[in-house]
Amino acid sequence: MVFGLIDRLKGRRAPAPIVSVPNVAGRIYAIGDVHGAAELLERMVARILAECRADGQRATLVMMGDYIDRGDSSRAALDLVASLDEAAELDPILLRGNHEAMLLDFIEGRASATRWLQFGGLQTLLSYGVGGLGAIGAGRGDAAERDLRAALTEAMGPHLGLLRGLASSHQSGNVLFAHAGAHPDLPFELQPERALIWGAPDFLDRPRADGRWVVHGHYVVDAPQAADSRIAIDTGAYFSQRLTAVRLDGGRLDFLTEALDG
């Protein structure tokens, strides 16, 4: 049904884009992909809390997913994410990224460990003190994967419940927050979950025509940017040592960056 609608929309002449600015209810912060950069996340959350306290204002904090993998401190990053609801100034919204999806696919037996490990899962295993990869490499196959799955499930404990409860998107005003963006031809309400978490065709190539905006991570950019109905905030924290957030306050937009020296 969804893909039939996409095909019909593609056959029509594209309407002229509606010129608009991102406009949300209240103040919303969104933090880009963390990928195990726990120290940067700690600094960014402290900065956001300081702003809220200085202004005496409560805010929504949207975490854009991909908290784990690639960087060295996935476990610490999830500890921080899990503690966000303890801050009286913040209403946290936790989104799922494709890396959380890959880990859960492995844990829940829908996929082997191979793909996840190729995309940074090894660093997550190490952060939880889980070994056993040698057995997989030695050809033990399914038995080794079962052992690895069981060990990681035990080590992650309540963090697994956190990951299973992540949302696929959040909407406020004319802005959608989704880890990997959204299909430009579909209204927010009809987006396939896979597009929100893994990406959609043409998302980076064509702006939306309905005046709506999408805040996203997933695609690494040298600097945050807001253009053509997209607000990109993944600045590759695990290798660039720069974590980016966007502050949306009514119709105002500002970027925040935390960086490690050296």
C-alpha atoms as a PDB file:
ATOM      1  CA  MET A   1       0.000   0.000   0.000  1.00  0.00           C
ATOM      2  CA  VAL A   2       2.712   2.460   0.997  1.00  0.00           C
ATOM      3  CA  PHE A   3       4.908   1.653  -1.977  1.00  0.00           C
ATOM      4  CA  GLY A   4       1.964   1.894  -4.376  1.00  0.00           C
ATOM      5  CA  LEU A   5       1.342   5.400  -3.056  1.00  0.00           C
ATOM      6  CA  ILE A   6       5.012   6.269  -3.608  1.00  0.00           C
ATOM      7  CA  ASP A   7       4.804   5.082  -7.219  1.00  0.00           C
ATOM      8  CA  ARG A   8       1.684   7.161  -7.865  1.00  0.00           C
ATOM      9  CA  LEU A   9       3.233  10.239  -6.324  1.00  0.00           C
ATOM     10  CA  LYS A  10       6.369   9.831  -8.421  1.00  0.00           C
ATOM     11  CA  GLY A  11       4.232   9.809 -11.551  1.00  0.00           C
ATOM     12  CA  ARG A  12       2.825  13.257 -10.788  1.00  0.00           C
ATOM     13  CA  ARG A  13       4.476  16.558 -11.489  1.00  0.00           C
ATOM     14  CA  ALA A  14       6.254  17.635  -8.330  1.00  0.00           C
ATOM     15  CA  PRO A  15       4.509  20.565  -6.653  1.00  0.00           C
ATOM     16  CA  ALA A  16       6.468  23.702  -5.876  1.00  0.00           C
ATOM     17  CA  PRO A  17       7.970  23.359  -2.393  1.00  0.00           C
ATOM     18  CA  ILE A  18       6.240  25.313   0.338  1.00  0.00           C
ATOM     19  CA  VAL A  19       8.642  27.803   1.890  1.00  0.00           C
ATOM     20  CA  SER A  20       8.650  27.471   5.674  1.00  0.00           C
ATOM     21  CA  VAL A  21      10.818  27.552   8.775  1.00  0.00           C
ATOM     22  CA  PRO A  22      11.043  24.761  11.357  1.00  0.00           C
ATOM     23  CA  ASN A  23       8.514  25.499  14.071  1.00  0.00           C
ATOM     24  CA  VAL A  24       7.952  23.351  17.160  1.00  0.00           C
ATOM     25  CA  ALA A  25       5.940  23.533  20.345  1.00  0.00           C
ATOM     26  CA  GLY A  26       8.089  24.861  23.176  1.00  0.00           C
ATOM     27  CA  ARG A  27      11.827  24.199  23.288  1.00  0.00           C
ATOM     28  CA  ILE A  28      13.300  21.008  21.864  1.00  0.00           C
ATOM     29  CA  TYR A  29      16.916  19.881  21.824  1.00  0.00           C
ATOM     30  CA  ALA A  30      18.004  17.009  19.603  1.00  0.00           C
ATOM     31  CA  ILE A  31      21.413  15.341  20.000  1.00  0.00           C
ATOM     32  CA  GLY A  32      23.010  13.604  17.022  1.00  0.00           C
ATOM     33  CA  ASP A  33      24.597  10.167  16.778  1.00  0.00           C
ATOM     34  CA  VAL A  34      26.729   9.387  19.839  1.00  0.00           C
ATOM     35  CA  HIS A  35      28.360   6.070  18.827  1.00  0.00           C
ATOM     36  CA  GLY A  36      29.976   5.432  22.178  1.00  0.00           C
ATOM     37  CA  ALA A  37      31.304   8.985  22.677  1.00  0.00           C
ATOM     38  CA  ALA A  38      30.113   9.049  26.292  1.00  0.00           C
ATOM     39  CA  GLU A  39      32.304  11.932  27.440  1.00  0.00           C
ATOM     40  CA  LEU A  40      30.974  14.192  24.687  1.00  0.00           C
ATOM     41  CA  LEU A  41      27.404  13.184  25.512  1.00  0.00           C
ATOM     42  CA  GLU A  42      27.965  13.980  29.189  1.00  0.00           C
ATOM     43  CA  ARG A  43      29.250  17.433  28.257  1.00  0.00           C
ATOM     44  CA  MET A  44      26.364  18.112  25.886  1.00  0.00           C
ATOM     45  CA  VAL A  45      23.711  17.081  28.406  1.00  0.00           C
ATOM     46  CA  ALA A  46      25.357  19.254  31.079  1.00  0.00           C
ATOM     47  CA  ARG A  47      25.318  22.211  28.684  1.00  0.00           C
ATOM     48  CA  ILE A  48      21.654  21.701  27.850  1.00  0.00           C
ATOM     49  CA  LEU A  49      20.729  21.391  31.518  1.00  0.00           C
ATOM     50  CA  ALA A  50      22.649  24.592  32.308  1.00  0.00           C
ATOM     51  CA  GLU A  51      20.725  26.455  29.610  1.00  0.00           C
ATOM     52  CA  CYS A  52      17.384  25.184  30.875  1.00  0.00           C
ATOM     53  CA  ARG A  53      18.210  26.110  34.455  1.00  0.00           C
ATOM     54  CA  ALA A  54      19.456  29.562  33.473  1.00  0.00           C
ATOM     55  CA  ASP A  55      16.224  30.238  31.579  1.00  0.00           C
ATOM     56  CA  GLY A  56      13.967  28.503  34.077  1.00  0.00           C
ATOM     57  CA  GLN A  57      12.535  26.541  31.163  1.00  0.00           C
ATOM     58  CA  ARG A  58      11.676  22.873  30.748  1.00  0.00           C
ATOM     59  CA  ALA A  59      12.633  21.285  27.426  1.00  0.00           C
ATOM     60  CA  THR A  60      12.135  18.139  25.389  1.00  0.00           C
ATOM     61  CA  LEU A  61      15.378  16.308  24.637  1.00  0.00           C
ATOM     62  CA  VAL A  62      15.293  14.029  21.598  1.00  0.00           C
ATOM     63  CA  MET A  63      18.125  11.519  21.336  1.00  0.00           C
ATOM     64  CA  MET A  64      18.521  10.615  17.668  1.00  0.00           C
ATOM     65  CA  GLY A  65      19.719   7.012  18.030  1.00  0.00           C
ATOM     66  CA  ASP A  66      22.997   5.193  17.334  1.00  0.00           C
ATOM     67  CA  TYR A  67      24.177   5.445  20.924  1.00  0.00           C
ATOM     68  CA  ILE A  68      26.344   2.338  20.533  1.00  0.00           C
ATOM     69  CA  ASP A  69      29.058   0.813  18.305  1.00  0.00           C
ATOM     70  CA  ARG A  70      32.208   2.213  16.695  1.00  0.00           C
ATOM     71  CA  GLY A  71      33.276   4.296  19.722  1.00  0.00           C
ATOM     72  CA  ASP A  72      34.803   2.782  22.839  1.00  0.00           C
ATOM     73  CA  SER A  73      32.237   3.705  25.513  1.00  0.00           C
ATOM     74  CA  SER A  74      28.883   2.302  24.387  1.00  0.00           C
ATOM     75  CA  ARG A  75      28.006   0.984  27.845  1.00  0.00           C
ATOM     76  CA  ALA A  76      28.708   4.357  29.474  1.00  0.00           C
ATOM     77  CA  ALA A  77      26.733   6.125  26.752  1.00  0.00           C
ATOM     78  CA  LEU A  78      23.695   3.946  27.463  1.00  0.00           C
ATOM     79  CA  ASP A  79      24.085   4.585  31.188  1.00  0.00           C
ATOM     80  CA  LEU A  80      23.813   8.298  30.436  1.00  0.00           C
ATOM     81  CA  VAL A  81      20.850   7.852  28.106  1.00  0.00           C
ATOM     82  CA  ALA A  82      19.061   5.754  30.719  1.00  0.00           C
ATOM     83  CA  SER A  83      19.552   8.455  33.358  1.00  0.00           C
ATOM     84  CA  LEU A  84      18.079  11.329  31.330  1.00  0.00           C
ATOM     85  CA  ASP A  85      14.623  11.008  32.852  1.00  0.00           C
ATOM     86  CA  GLU A  86      16.127  11.822  36.247  1.00  0.00           C
ATOM     87  CA  ALA A  87      16.642  15.463  35.193  1.00  0.00           C
ATOM     88  CA  ALA A  88      13.647  17.554  36.257  1.00  0.00           C
ATOM     89  CA  GLU A  89      14.279  20.034  33.440  1.00  0.00           C
ATOM     90  CA  LEU A  90      14.074  17.462  30.621  1.00  0.00           C
ATOM     91  CA  ASP A  91      11.444  15.328  28.941  1.00  0.00           C
ATOM     92  CA  PRO A  92      13.568  12.747  27.081  1.00  0.00           C
ATOM     93  CA  ILE A  93      12.454  11.121  23.827  1.00  0.00           C
ATOM     94  CA  LEU A  94      14.730   8.227  22.870  1.00  0.00           C
ATOM     95  CA  LEU A  95      14.819   7.203  19.215  1.00  0.00           C
ATOM     96  CA  ARG A  96      16.150   4.006  17.663  1.00  0.00           C
ATOM     97  CA  GLY A  97      19.006   4.070  15.183  1.00  0.00           C
ATOM     98  CA  ASN A  98      20.059   1.346  12.782  1.00  0.00           C
ATOM     99  CA  HIS A  99      22.870   0.257  15.124  1.00  0.00           C
ATOM    100  CA  GLU A 100      20.404  -0.452  17.932  1.00  0.00           C
ATOM    101  CA  ALA A 101      18.304  -2.321  15.354  1.00  0.00           C
ATOM    102  CA  MET A 102      21.296  -4.465  14.319  1.00  0.00           C
ATOM    103  CA  LEU A 103      22.156  -5.329  17.917  1.00  0.00           C
ATOM    104  CA  LEU A 104      18.556  -6.307  18.674  1.00  0.00           C
ATOM    105  CA  ASP A 105      18.330  -8.375  15.480  1.00  0.00           C
ATOM    106  CA  PHE A 106      21.320 -10.370  16.745  1.00  0.00           C
ATOM    107  CA  ILE A 107      20.144 -10.627  20.357  1.00  0.00           C
ATOM    108  CA  GLU A 108      16.661 -11.756  19.319  1.00  0.00           C
ATOM    109  CA  GLY A 109      17.917 -14.322  16.800  1.00  0.00           C
ATOM    110  CA  ARG A 110      16.793 -12.612  13.605  1.00  0.00           C
ATOM    111  CA  ALA A 111      20.351 -12.225  12.277  1.00  0.00           C
ATOM    112  CA  SER A 112      23.841 -13.547  12.829  1.00  0.00           C
ATOM    113  CA  ALA A 113      26.448 -11.415  14.563  1.00  0.00           C
ATOM    114  CA  THR A 114      28.463 -10.934  11.375  1.00  0.00           C
ATOM    115  CA  ARG A 115      26.860  -7.807  10.000  1.00  0.00           C
ATOM    116  CA  TRP A 116      26.615  -6.039  13.333  1.00  0.00           C
ATOM    117  CA  LEU A 117      30.248  -6.804  14.156  1.00  0.00           C
ATOM    118  CA  GLN A 118      31.357  -5.438  10.781  1.00  0.00           C
ATOM    119  CA  PHE A 119      29.743  -2.098  11.607  1.00  0.00           C
ATOM    120  CA  GLY A 120      31.220  -1.442  15.031  1.00  0.00           C
ATOM    121  CA  GLY A 121      29.605  -4.074  17.241  1.00  0.00           C
ATOM    122  CA  LEU A 122      32.995  -5.285  18.449  1.00  0.00           C
ATOM    123  CA  GLN A 123      33.515  -2.046  20.398  1.00  0.00           C
ATOM    124  CA  THR A 124      30.141  -2.536  22.084  1.00  0.00           C
ATOM    125  CA  LEU A 125      31.026  -6.094  23.089  1.00  0.00           C
ATOM    126  CA  LEU A 126      34.314  -4.904  24.570  1.00  0.00           C
ATOM    127  CA  SER A 127      32.583  -2.135  26.512  1.00  0.00           C
ATOM    128  CA  TYR A 128      30.436  -4.807  28.218  1.00  0.00           C
ATOM    129  CA  GLY A 129      33.412  -7.099  28.813  1.00  0.00           C
ATOM    130  CA  VAL A 130      32.035  -9.802  26.526  1.00  0.00           C
ATOM    131  CA  GLY A 131      34.443 -12.101  24.666  1.00  0.00           C
ATOM    132  CA  GLY A 132      33.953 -15.265  22.660  1.00  0.00           C
ATOM    133  CA  LEU A 133      34.675 -13.992  19.167  1.00  0.00           C
ATOM    134  CA  GLY A 134      37.538 -16.450  18.903  1.00  0.00           C
ATOM    135  CA  ALA A 135      35.061 -19.318  19.037  1.00  0.00           C
ATOM    136  CA  ILE A 136      33.120 -17.840  16.122  1.00  0.00           C
ATOM    137  CA  GLY A 137      36.313 -17.478  14.130  1.00  0.00           C
ATOM    138  CA  ALA A 138      37.314 -21.038  14.995  1.00  0.00           C
ATOM    139  CA  GLY A 139      34.293 -22.396  13.179  1.00  0.00           C
ATOM    140  CA  ARG A 140      31.969 -23.247  16.074  1.00  0.00           C
ATOM    141  CA  GLY A 141      29.226 -21.511  14.130  1.00  0.00           C
ATOM    142  CA  ASP A 142      25.749 -21.590  15.653  1.00  0.00           C
ATOM    143  CA  ALA A 143      26.911 -22.761  19.065  1.00  0.00           C
ATOM    144  CA  ALA A 144      29.399 -19.906  19.352  1.00  0.00           C
ATOM    145  CA  GLU A 145      26.750 -17.406  18.321  1.00  0.00           C
ATOM    146  CA  ARG A 146      24.343 -18.761  20.938  1.00  0.00           C
ATOM    147  CA  ASP A 147      27.010 -18.411  23.602  1.00  0.00           C
ATOM    148  CA  LEU A 148      27.824 -14.879  22.496  1.00  0.00           C
ATOM    149  CA  ARG A 149      24.145 -13.931  22.423  1.00  0.00           C
ATOM    150  CA  ALA A 150      23.606 -15.291  25.935  1.00  0.00           C
ATOM    151  CA  ALA A 151      26.686 -13.557  27.339  1.00  0.00           C
ATOM    152  CA  LEU A 152      25.749 -10.184  25.833  1.00  0.00           C
ATOM    153  CA  THR A 153      22.135 -10.490  26.993  1.00  0.00           C
ATOM    154  CA  GLU A 154      23.310 -11.074  30.555  1.00  0.00           C
ATOM    155  CA  ALA A 155      25.905  -8.291  30.434  1.00  0.00           C
ATOM    156  CA  MET A 156      23.537  -5.669  29.049  1.00  0.00           C
ATOM    157  CA  GLY A 157      20.838  -6.304  31.637  1.00  0.00           C
ATOM    158  CA  PRO A 158      18.356  -3.403  31.785  1.00  0.00           C
ATOM    159  CA  HIS A 159      20.005  -1.698  28.819  1.00  0.00           C
ATOM    160  CA  LEU A 160      18.307  -4.256  26.563  1.00  0.00           C
ATOM    161  CA  GLY A 161      14.915  -3.196  27.870  1.00  0.00           C
ATOM    162  CA  LEU A 162      15.855   0.392  27.131  1.00  0.00           C
ATOM    163  CA  LEU A 163      16.755  -0.462  23.535  1.00  0.00           C
ATOM    164  CA  ARG A 164      13.592  -2.473  23.002  1.00  0.00           C
ATOM    165  CA  GLY A 165      11.505   0.502  24.097  1.00  0.00           C
ATOM    166  CA  LEU A 166      13.024   3.059  21.723  1.00  0.00           C
ATOM    167  CA  ALA A 167      10.677   5.027  19.472  1.00  0.00           C
ATOM    168  CA  SER A 168      11.060   5.220  15.694  1.00  0.00           C
ATOM    169  CA  SER A 169      10.229   8.938  15.424  1.00  0.00           C
ATOM    170  CA  HIS A 170       8.894  12.015  17.183  1.00  0.00           C
ATOM    171  CA  GLN A 171       6.906  14.910  15.761  1.00  0.00           C
ATOM    172  CA  SER A 172       6.304  18.457  16.978  1.00  0.00           C
ATOM    173  CA  GLY A 173       4.816  21.251  14.924  1.00  0.00           C
ATOM    174  CA  ASN A 174       6.067  20.954  11.346  1.00  0.00           C
ATOM    175  CA  VAL A 175       9.176  18.980  12.335  1.00  0.00           C
ATOM    176  CA  LEU A 176       9.783  15.221  12.354  1.00  0.00           C
ATOM    177  CA  PHE A 177      12.697  13.762  14.302  1.00  0.00           C
ATOM    178  CA  ALA A 178      13.903  10.434  12.875  1.00  0.00           C
ATOM    179  CA  HIS A 179      17.328   8.819  12.953  1.00  0.00           C
ATOM    180  CA  ALA A 180      17.747   8.291   9.203  1.00  0.00           C
ATOM    181  CA  GLY A 181      15.248  10.813   7.859  1.00  0.00           C
ATOM    182  CA  ALA A 182      12.019  10.137   5.998  1.00  0.00           C
ATOM    183  CA  HIS A 183      10.713   9.434   2.518  1.00  0.00           C
ATOM    184  CA  PRO A 184      10.244  12.869   0.912  1.00  0.00           C
ATOM    185  CA  ASP A 185       7.064  11.850  -0.949  1.00  0.00           C
ATOM    186  CA  LEU A 186       5.151  10.513   2.034  1.00  0.00           C
ATOM    187  CA  PRO A 187       3.416  12.391   4.854  1.00  0.00           C
ATOM    188  CA  PHE A 188       4.890  11.859   8.279  1.00  0.00           C
ATOM    189  CA  GLU A 189       1.996   9.634   9.310  1.00  0.00           C
ATOM    190  CA  LEU A 190       2.672   7.092   6.522  1.00  0.00           C
ATOM    191  CA  GLN A 191       6.426   6.678   6.877  1.00  0.00           C
ATOM    192  CA  PRO A 192       7.632   3.039   6.890  1.00  0.00           C
ATOM    193  CA  GLU A 193       9.626   2.288  10.016  1.00  0.00           C
ATOM    194  CA  ARG A 194      12.540   1.068   7.892  1.00  0.00           C
ATOM    195  CA  ALA A 195      12.824   4.493   6.224  1.00  0.00           C
ATOM    196  CA  LEU A 196      12.977   6.209   9.615  1.00  0.00           C
ATOM    197  CA  ILE A 197      15.700   3.910  10.947  1.00  0.00           C
ATOM    198  CA  TRP A 198      17.694   2.891   7.839  1.00  0.00           C
ATOM    199  CA  GLY A 199      17.027   5.684   5.339  1.00  0.00           C
ATOM    200  CA  ALA A 200      14.796   6.286   2.337  1.00  0.00           C
ATOM    201  CA  PRO A 201      15.429   6.701  -1.390  1.00  0.00           C
ATOM    202  CA  ASP A 202      15.933  10.301  -2.462  1.00  0.00           C
ATOM    203  CA  PHE A 203      15.885  11.672   1.084  1.00  0.00           C
ATOM    204  CA  LEU A 204      19.178  13.492   0.601  1.00  0.00           C
ATOM    205  CA  ASP A 205      18.429  14.476  -2.988  1.00  0.00           C
ATOM    206  CA  ARG A 206      15.008  16.096  -2.867  1.00  0.00           C
ATOM    207  CA  PRO A 207      13.421  18.510  -0.382  1.00  0.00           C
ATOM    208  CA  ARG A 208       9.911  17.926   0.870  1.00  0.00           C
ATOM    209  CA  ALA A 209       7.167  19.854  -0.895  1.00  0.00           C
ATOM    210  CA  ASP A 210       4.809  20.189   2.084  1.00  0.00           C
ATOM    211  CA  GLY A 211       6.696  22.751   4.180  1.00  0.00           C
ATOM    212  CA  ARG A 212       7.675  20.170   6.794  1.00  0.00           C
ATOM    213  CA  TRP A 213      11.186  19.595   8.120  1.00  0.00           C
ATOM    214  CA  VAL A 214      13.096  16.491   9.194  1.00  0.00           C
ATOM    215  CA  VAL A 215      15.807  16.471  11.875  1.00  0.00           C
ATOM    216  CA  HIS A 216      18.078  13.483  11.303  1.00  0.00           C
ATOM    217  CA  GLY A 217      21.410  11.828  11.996  1.00  0.00           C
ATOM    218  CA  HIS A 218      22.746   8.712  10.227  1.00  0.00           C
ATOM    219  CA  TYR A 219      24.503  10.606   7.433  1.00  0.00           C
ATOM    220  CA  VAL A 220      27.751  12.177   8.652  1.00  0.00           C
ATOM    221  CA  VAL A 221      28.302  15.839   7.752  1.00  0.00           C
ATOM    222  CA  ASP A 222      31.354  18.027   8.319  1.00  0.00           C
ATOM    223  CA  ALA A 223      29.186  20.672   9.980  1.00  0.00           C
ATOM    224  CA  PRO A 224      25.515  20.724  11.006  1.00  0.00           C
ATOM    225  CA  GLN A 225      23.207  22.224   8.438  1.00  0.00           C
ATOM    226  CA  ALA A 226      19.582  23.209   7.920  1.00  0.00           C
ATOM    227  CA  ALA A 227      18.535  23.388   4.275  1.00  0.00           C
ATOM    228  CA  ASP A 228      16.064  21.880   1.799  1.00  0.00           C
ATOM    229  CA  SER A 229      13.710  20.631   4.543  1.00  0.00           C
ATOM    230  CA  ARG A 230      16.510  18.692   6.274  1.00  0.00           C
ATOM    231  CA  ILE A 231      18.360  19.431   9.526  1.00  0.00           C
ATOM    232  CA  ALA A 232      21.494  17.251   9.699  1.00  0.00           C
ATOM    233  CA  ILE A 233      23.228  16.840  13.062  1.00  0.00           C
ATOM    234  CA  ASP A 234      25.481  13.759  12.814  1.00  0.00           C
ATOM    235  CA  THR A 235      29.029  15.134  12.860  1.00  0.00           C
ATOM    236  CA  GLY A 236      30.736  11.757  13.400  1.00  0.00           C
ATOM    237  CA  ALA A 237      31.416  12.055  17.114  1.00  0.00           C
ATOM    238  CA  TYR A 238      33.319   8.778  17.425  1.00  0.00           C
ATOM    239  CA  PHE A 239      36.059   9.897  14.996  1.00  0.00           C
ATOM    240  CA  SER A 240      35.720  13.699  14.748  1.00  0.00           C
ATOM    241  CA  GLN A 241      35.478  14.165  18.534  1.00  0.00           C
ATOM    242  CA  ARG A 242      32.622  16.613  17.893  1.00  0.00           C
ATOM    243  CA  LEU A 243      29.052  15.976  19.043  1.00  0.00           C
ATOM    244  CA  THR A 244      26.317  18.226  17.698  1.00  0.00           C
ATOM    245  CA  ALA A 245      22.836  19.134  18.877  1.00  0.00           C
ATOM    246  CA  VAL A 246      20.160  21.436  17.522  1.00  0.00           C
ATOM    247  CA  ARG A 247      18.026  23.706  19.676  1.00  0.00           C
ATOM    248  CA  LEU A 248      14.571  24.473  18.285  1.00  0.00           C
ATOM    249  CA  ASP A 249      12.646  27.074  20.249  1.00  0.00           C
ATOM    250  CA  GLY A 250       9.370  27.982  18.593  1.00  0.00           C
ATOM    251  CA  GLY A 251      10.564  29.174  15.170  1.00  0.00           C
ATOM    252  CA  ARG A 252      14.204  29.720  16.158  1.00  0.00           C
ATOM    253  CA  LEU A 253      17.019  27.279  15.348  1.00  0.00           C
ATOM    254  CA  ASP A 254      20.556  27.134  16.764  1.00  0.00           C
ATOM    255  CA  PHE A 255      23.284  24.490  16.683  1.00  0.00           C
ATOM    256  CA  LEU A 256      25.367  23.436  19.691  1.00  0.00           C
ATOM    257  CA  THR A 257      28.691  21.607  19.459  1.00  0.00           C
ATOM    258  CA  GLU A 258      30.816  19.945  22.105  1.00  0.00           C
ATOM    259  CA  ALA A 259      34.374  18.935  21.175  1.00  0.00           C
ATOM    260  CA  LEU A 260      37.284  17.217  22.865  1.00  0.00           C
ATOM    261  CA  ASP A 261      40.638  18.976  22.715  1.00  0.00           C
ATOM    262  CA  GLY A 262      43.382  17.402  20.644  1.00  0.00           C
END
